[in-house]
Amino acid sequence: LDEARALEAKRKAEEHIRSSHGDVDYAQASAELAKAIAKLRVIELTRKAM
């Protein structure tokens, strides 16, 4: 997993949420944000395990 890419995906998803104008956009952006946060959590847990 690439932390920089996950952080960028999180930033983009947050921006998408702020600019969404419909339920579908919001739902998609929320899913993207959840995925990015999950990746960052895996990175964090992997670091702690080392």
PDB file of N, CA and C in Angstrom:
ATOM      1  N   LEU A   1       0.834  -1.194   0.000  1.00  0.00           N
ATOM      2  CA  LEU A   1       0.000   0.000   0.000  1.00  0.00           C
ATOM      3  C   LEU A   1       0.872   1.249   0.000  1.00  0.00           C
ATOM      4  N   ASP A   2       0.427   2.237  -0.704  1.00  0.00           N
ATOM      5  CA  ASP A   2       1.167   3.486  -0.843  1.00  0.00           C
ATOM      6  C   ASP A   2       0.458   4.576  -0.040  1.00  0.00           C
ATOM      7  N   GLU A   3       1.109   5.039   1.016  1.00  0.00           N
ATOM      8  CA  GLU A   3       0.485   6.024   1.901  1.00  0.00           C
ATOM      9  C   GLU A   3       0.172   7.331   1.174  1.00  0.00           C
ATOM     10  N   ALA A   4       1.076   7.791   0.349  1.00  0.00           N
ATOM     11  CA  ALA A   4       0.854   9.053  -0.368  1.00  0.00           C
ATOM     12  C   ALA A   4      -0.375   8.956  -1.272  1.00  0.00           C
ATOM     13  N   ARG A   5      -0.518   7.836  -1.965  1.00  0.00           N
ATOM     14  CA  ARG A   5      -1.683   7.660  -2.845  1.00  0.00           C
ATOM     15  C   ARG A   5      -2.971   7.567  -2.035  1.00  0.00           C
ATOM     16  N   ALA A   6      -2.912   6.893  -0.887  1.00  0.00           N
ATOM     17  CA  ALA A   6      -4.098   6.775  -0.039  1.00  0.00           C
ATOM     18  C   ALA A   6      -4.501   8.139   0.521  1.00  0.00           C
ATOM     19  N   LEU A   7      -3.521   8.935   0.925  1.00  0.00           N
ATOM     20  CA  LEU A   7      -3.813  10.279   1.426  1.00  0.00           C
ATOM     21  C   LEU A   7      -4.418  11.161   0.334  1.00  0.00           C
ATOM     22  N   GLU A   8      -3.890  11.046  -0.869  1.00  0.00           N
ATOM     23  CA  GLU A   8      -4.424  11.816  -1.996  1.00  0.00           C
ATOM     24  C   GLU A   8      -5.856  11.378  -2.317  1.00  0.00           C
ATOM     25  N   ALA A   9      -6.113  10.079  -2.272  1.00  0.00           N
ATOM     26  CA  ALA A   9      -7.464   9.573  -2.521  1.00  0.00           C
ATOM     27  C   ALA A   9      -8.425  10.088  -1.452  1.00  0.00           C
ATOM     28  N   LYS A  10      -7.966  10.123  -0.214  1.00  0.00           N
ATOM     29  CA  LYS A  10      -8.785  10.640   0.886  1.00  0.00           C
ATOM     30  C   LYS A  10      -9.095  12.116   0.652  1.00  0.00           C
ATOM     31  N   ARG A  11      -8.097  12.891   0.278  1.00  0.00           N
ATOM     32  CA  ARG A  11      -8.288  14.320   0.028  1.00  0.00           C
ATOM     33  C   ARG A  11      -9.294  14.548  -1.105  1.00  0.00           C
ATOM     34  N   LYS A  12      -9.142  13.778  -2.178  1.00  0.00           N
ATOM     35  CA  LYS A  12     -10.050  13.919  -3.319  1.00  0.00           C
ATOM     36  C   LYS A  12     -11.479  13.529  -2.945  1.00  0.00           C
ATOM     37  N   ALA A  13     -11.626  12.468  -2.166  1.00  0.00           N
ATOM     38  CA  ALA A  13     -12.960  12.034  -1.747  1.00  0.00           C
ATOM     39  C   ALA A  13     -13.611  13.085  -0.856  1.00  0.00           C
ATOM     40  N   GLU A  14     -12.836  13.675   0.037  1.00  0.00           N
ATOM     41  CA  GLU A  14     -13.376  14.732   0.893  1.00  0.00           C
ATOM     42  C   GLU A  14     -13.822  15.935   0.055  1.00  0.00           C
ATOM     43  N   GLU A  15     -13.033  16.281  -0.934  1.00  0.00           N
ATOM     44  CA  GLU A  15     -13.391  17.391  -1.828  1.00  0.00           C
ATOM     45  C   GLU A  15     -14.648  17.049  -2.623  1.00  0.00           C
ATOM     46  N   HIS A  16     -14.741  15.800  -3.065  1.00  0.00           N
ATOM     47  CA  HIS A  16     -15.910  15.339  -3.817  1.00  0.00           C
ATOM     48  C   HIS A  16     -17.167  15.444  -2.953  1.00  0.00           C
ATOM     49  N   ILE A  17     -17.048  15.094  -1.676  1.00  0.00           N
ATOM     50  CA  ILE A  17     -18.184  15.187  -0.760  1.00  0.00           C
ATOM     51  C   ILE A  17     -18.621  16.647  -0.615  1.00  0.00           C
ATOM     52  N   ARG A  18     -17.650  17.534  -0.471  1.00  0.00           N
ATOM     53  CA  ARG A  18     -17.977  18.959  -0.314  1.00  0.00           C
ATOM     54  C   ARG A  18     -18.664  19.535  -1.553  1.00  0.00           C
ATOM     55  N   SER A  19     -18.337  19.008  -2.717  1.00  0.00           N
ATOM     56  CA  SER A  19     -18.885  19.576  -3.949  1.00  0.00           C
ATOM     57  C   SER A  19     -20.013  18.741  -4.556  1.00  0.00           C
ATOM     58  N   SER A  20     -20.414  17.656  -3.905  1.00  0.00           N
ATOM     59  CA  SER A  20     -21.457  16.800  -4.479  1.00  0.00           C
ATOM     60  C   SER A  20     -22.813  17.498  -4.424  1.00  0.00           C
ATOM     61  N   HIS A  21     -23.619  17.217  -5.445  1.00  0.00           N
ATOM     62  CA  HIS A  21     -24.914  17.874  -5.552  1.00  0.00           C
ATOM     63  C   HIS A  21     -26.068  16.877  -5.578  1.00  0.00           C
ATOM     64  N   GLY A  22     -25.807  15.648  -5.335  1.00  0.00           N
ATOM     65  CA  GLY A  22     -26.878  14.667  -5.363  1.00  0.00           C
ATOM     66  C   GLY A  22     -26.550  13.485  -4.476  1.00  0.00           C
ATOM     67  N   ASP A  23     -27.558  12.681  -4.203  1.00  0.00           N
ATOM     68  CA  ASP A  23     -27.378  11.524  -3.337  1.00  0.00           C
ATOM     69  C   ASP A  23     -26.384  10.526  -3.912  1.00  0.00           C
ATOM     70  N   VAL A  24     -26.417  10.337  -5.236  1.00  0.00           N
ATOM     71  CA  VAL A  24     -25.522   9.374  -5.871  1.00  0.00           C
ATOM     72  C   VAL A  24     -24.079   9.846  -5.743  1.00  0.00           C
ATOM     73  N   ASP A  25     -23.826  11.122  -6.030  1.00  0.00           N
ATOM     74  CA  ASP A  25     -22.477  11.668  -5.884  1.00  0.00           C
ATOM     75  C   ASP A  25     -21.987  11.523  -4.457  1.00  0.00           C
ATOM     76  N   TYR A  26     -22.850  11.858  -3.504  1.00  0.00           N
ATOM     77  CA  TYR A  26     -22.469  11.788  -2.097  1.00  0.00           C
ATOM     78  C   TYR A  26     -22.167  10.349  -1.690  1.00  0.00           C
ATOM     79  N   ALA A  27     -22.997   9.424  -2.120  1.00  0.00           N
ATOM     80  CA  ALA A  27     -22.792   8.016  -1.778  1.00  0.00           C
ATOM     81  C   ALA A  27     -21.483   7.505  -2.363  1.00  0.00           C
ATOM     82  N   GLN A  28     -21.196   7.864  -3.600  1.00  0.00           N
ATOM     83  CA  GLN A  28     -19.954   7.434  -4.236  1.00  0.00           C
ATOM     84  C   GLN A  28     -18.752   8.041  -3.515  1.00  0.00           C
ATOM     85  N   ALA A  29     -18.823   9.312  -3.207  1.00  0.00           N
ATOM     86  CA  ALA A  29     -17.720   9.981  -2.519  1.00  0.00           C
ATOM     87  C   ALA A  29     -17.517   9.400  -1.125  1.00  0.00           C
ATOM     88  N   SER A  30     -18.604   9.081  -0.451  1.00  0.00           N
ATOM     89  CA  SER A  30     -18.505   8.477   0.877  1.00  0.00           C
ATOM     90  C   SER A  30     -17.824   7.115   0.807  1.00  0.00           C
ATOM     91  N   ALA A  31     -18.159   6.345  -0.214  1.00  0.00           N
ATOM     92  CA  ALA A  31     -17.528   5.039  -0.392  1.00  0.00           C
ATOM     93  C   ALA A  31     -16.038   5.191  -0.686  1.00  0.00           C
ATOM     94  N   GLU A  32     -15.693   6.166  -1.516  1.00  0.00           N
ATOM     95  CA  GLU A  32     -14.282   6.425  -1.823  1.00  0.00           C
ATOM     96  C   GLU A  32     -13.525   6.838  -0.565  1.00  0.00           C
ATOM     97  N   LEU A  33     -14.148   7.672   0.253  1.00  0.00           N
ATOM     98  CA  LEU A  33     -13.515   8.129   1.487  1.00  0.00           C
ATOM     99  C   LEU A  33     -13.312   6.962   2.448  1.00  0.00           C
ATOM    100  N   ALA A  34     -14.311   6.117   2.591  1.00  0.00           N
ATOM    101  CA  ALA A  34     -14.195   4.962   3.478  1.00  0.00           C
ATOM    102  C   ALA A  34     -13.071   4.037   3.025  1.00  0.00           C
ATOM    103  N   LYS A  35     -12.952   3.839   1.737  1.00  0.00           N
ATOM    104  CA  LYS A  35     -11.892   2.985   1.197  1.00  0.00           C
ATOM    105  C   LYS A  35     -10.516   3.578   1.484  1.00  0.00           C
ATOM    106  N   ALA A  36     -10.364   4.876   1.281  1.00  0.00           N
ATOM    107  CA  ALA A  36      -9.078   5.535   1.533  1.00  0.00           C
ATOM    108  C   ALA A  36      -8.716   5.474   3.012  1.00  0.00           C
ATOM    109  N   ILE A  37      -9.698   5.692   3.878  1.00  0.00           N
ATOM    110  CA  ILE A  37      -9.445   5.635   5.318  1.00  0.00           C
ATOM    111  C   ILE A  37      -9.050   4.220   5.724  1.00  0.00           C
ATOM    112  N   ALA A  38      -9.692   3.224   5.146  1.00  0.00           N
ATOM    113  CA  ALA A  38      -9.347   1.835   5.455  1.00  0.00           C
ATOM    114  C   ALA A  38      -7.913   1.521   5.043  1.00  0.00           C
ATOM    115  N   LYS A  39      -7.502   2.002   3.883  1.00  0.00           N
ATOM    116  CA  LYS A  39      -6.122   1.775   3.439  1.00  0.00           C
ATOM    117  C   LYS A  39      -5.131   2.432   4.392  1.00  0.00           C
ATOM    118  N   LEU A  40      -5.437   3.653   4.813  1.00  0.00           N
ATOM    119  CA  LEU A  40      -4.546   4.347   5.747  1.00  0.00           C
ATOM    120  C   LEU A  40      -4.480   3.616   7.086  1.00  0.00           C
ATOM    121  N   ARG A  41      -5.586   3.061   7.516  1.00  0.00           N
ATOM    122  CA  ARG A  41      -5.618   2.302   8.779  1.00  0.00           C
ATOM    123  C   ARG A  41      -4.746   1.051   8.666  1.00  0.00           C
ATOM    124  N   VAL A  42      -4.813   0.367   7.539  1.00  0.00           N
ATOM    125  CA  VAL A  42      -3.976  -0.818   7.325  1.00  0.00           C
ATOM    126  C   VAL A  42      -2.501  -0.427   7.364  1.00  0.00           C
ATOM    127  N   ILE A  43      -2.161   0.675   6.730  1.00  0.00           N
ATOM    128  CA  ILE A  43      -0.773   1.152   6.744  1.00  0.00           C
ATOM    129  C   ILE A  43      -0.339   1.430   8.178  1.00  0.00           C
ATOM    130  N   GLU A  44      -1.199   2.103   8.941  1.00  0.00           N
ATOM    131  CA  GLU A  44      -0.884   2.431  10.330  1.00  0.00           C
ATOM    132  C   GLU A  44      -0.686   1.167  11.168  1.00  0.00           C
ATOM    133  N   LEU A  45      -1.578   0.207  11.025  1.00  0.00           N
ATOM    134  CA  LEU A  45      -1.476  -1.031  11.796  1.00  0.00           C
ATOM    135  C   LEU A  45      -0.242  -1.836  11.403  1.00  0.00           C
ATOM    136  N   THR A  46       0.098  -1.816  10.123  1.00  0.00           N
ATOM    137  CA  THR A  46       1.285  -2.527   9.653  1.00  0.00           C
ATOM    138  C   THR A  46       2.540  -1.924  10.262  1.00  0.00           C
ATOM    139  N   ARG A  47       2.584  -0.613  10.337  1.00  0.00           N
ATOM    140  CA  ARG A  47       3.745   0.057  10.939  1.00  0.00           C
ATOM    141  C   ARG A  47       3.884  -0.289  12.415  1.00  0.00           C
ATOM    142  N   LYS A  48       2.761  -0.335  13.123  1.00  0.00           N
ATOM    143  CA  LYS A  48       2.795  -0.641  14.555  1.00  0.00           C
ATOM    144  C   LYS A  48       3.244  -2.072  14.806  1.00  0.00           C
ATOM    145  N   ALA A  49       2.926  -2.964  13.881  1.00  0.00           N
ATOM    146  CA  ALA A  49       3.274  -4.376  14.043  1.00  0.00           C
ATOM    147  C   ALA A  49       4.753  -4.627  13.814  1.00  0.00           C
ATOM    148  N   MET A  50       5.436  -3.707  13.176  1.00  0.00           N
ATOM    149  CA  MET A  50       6.851  -3.905  12.854  1.00  0.00           C
ATOM    150  C   MET A  50       7.741  -3.561  14.011  1.00  0.00           C
TER     151      MET A  50
END
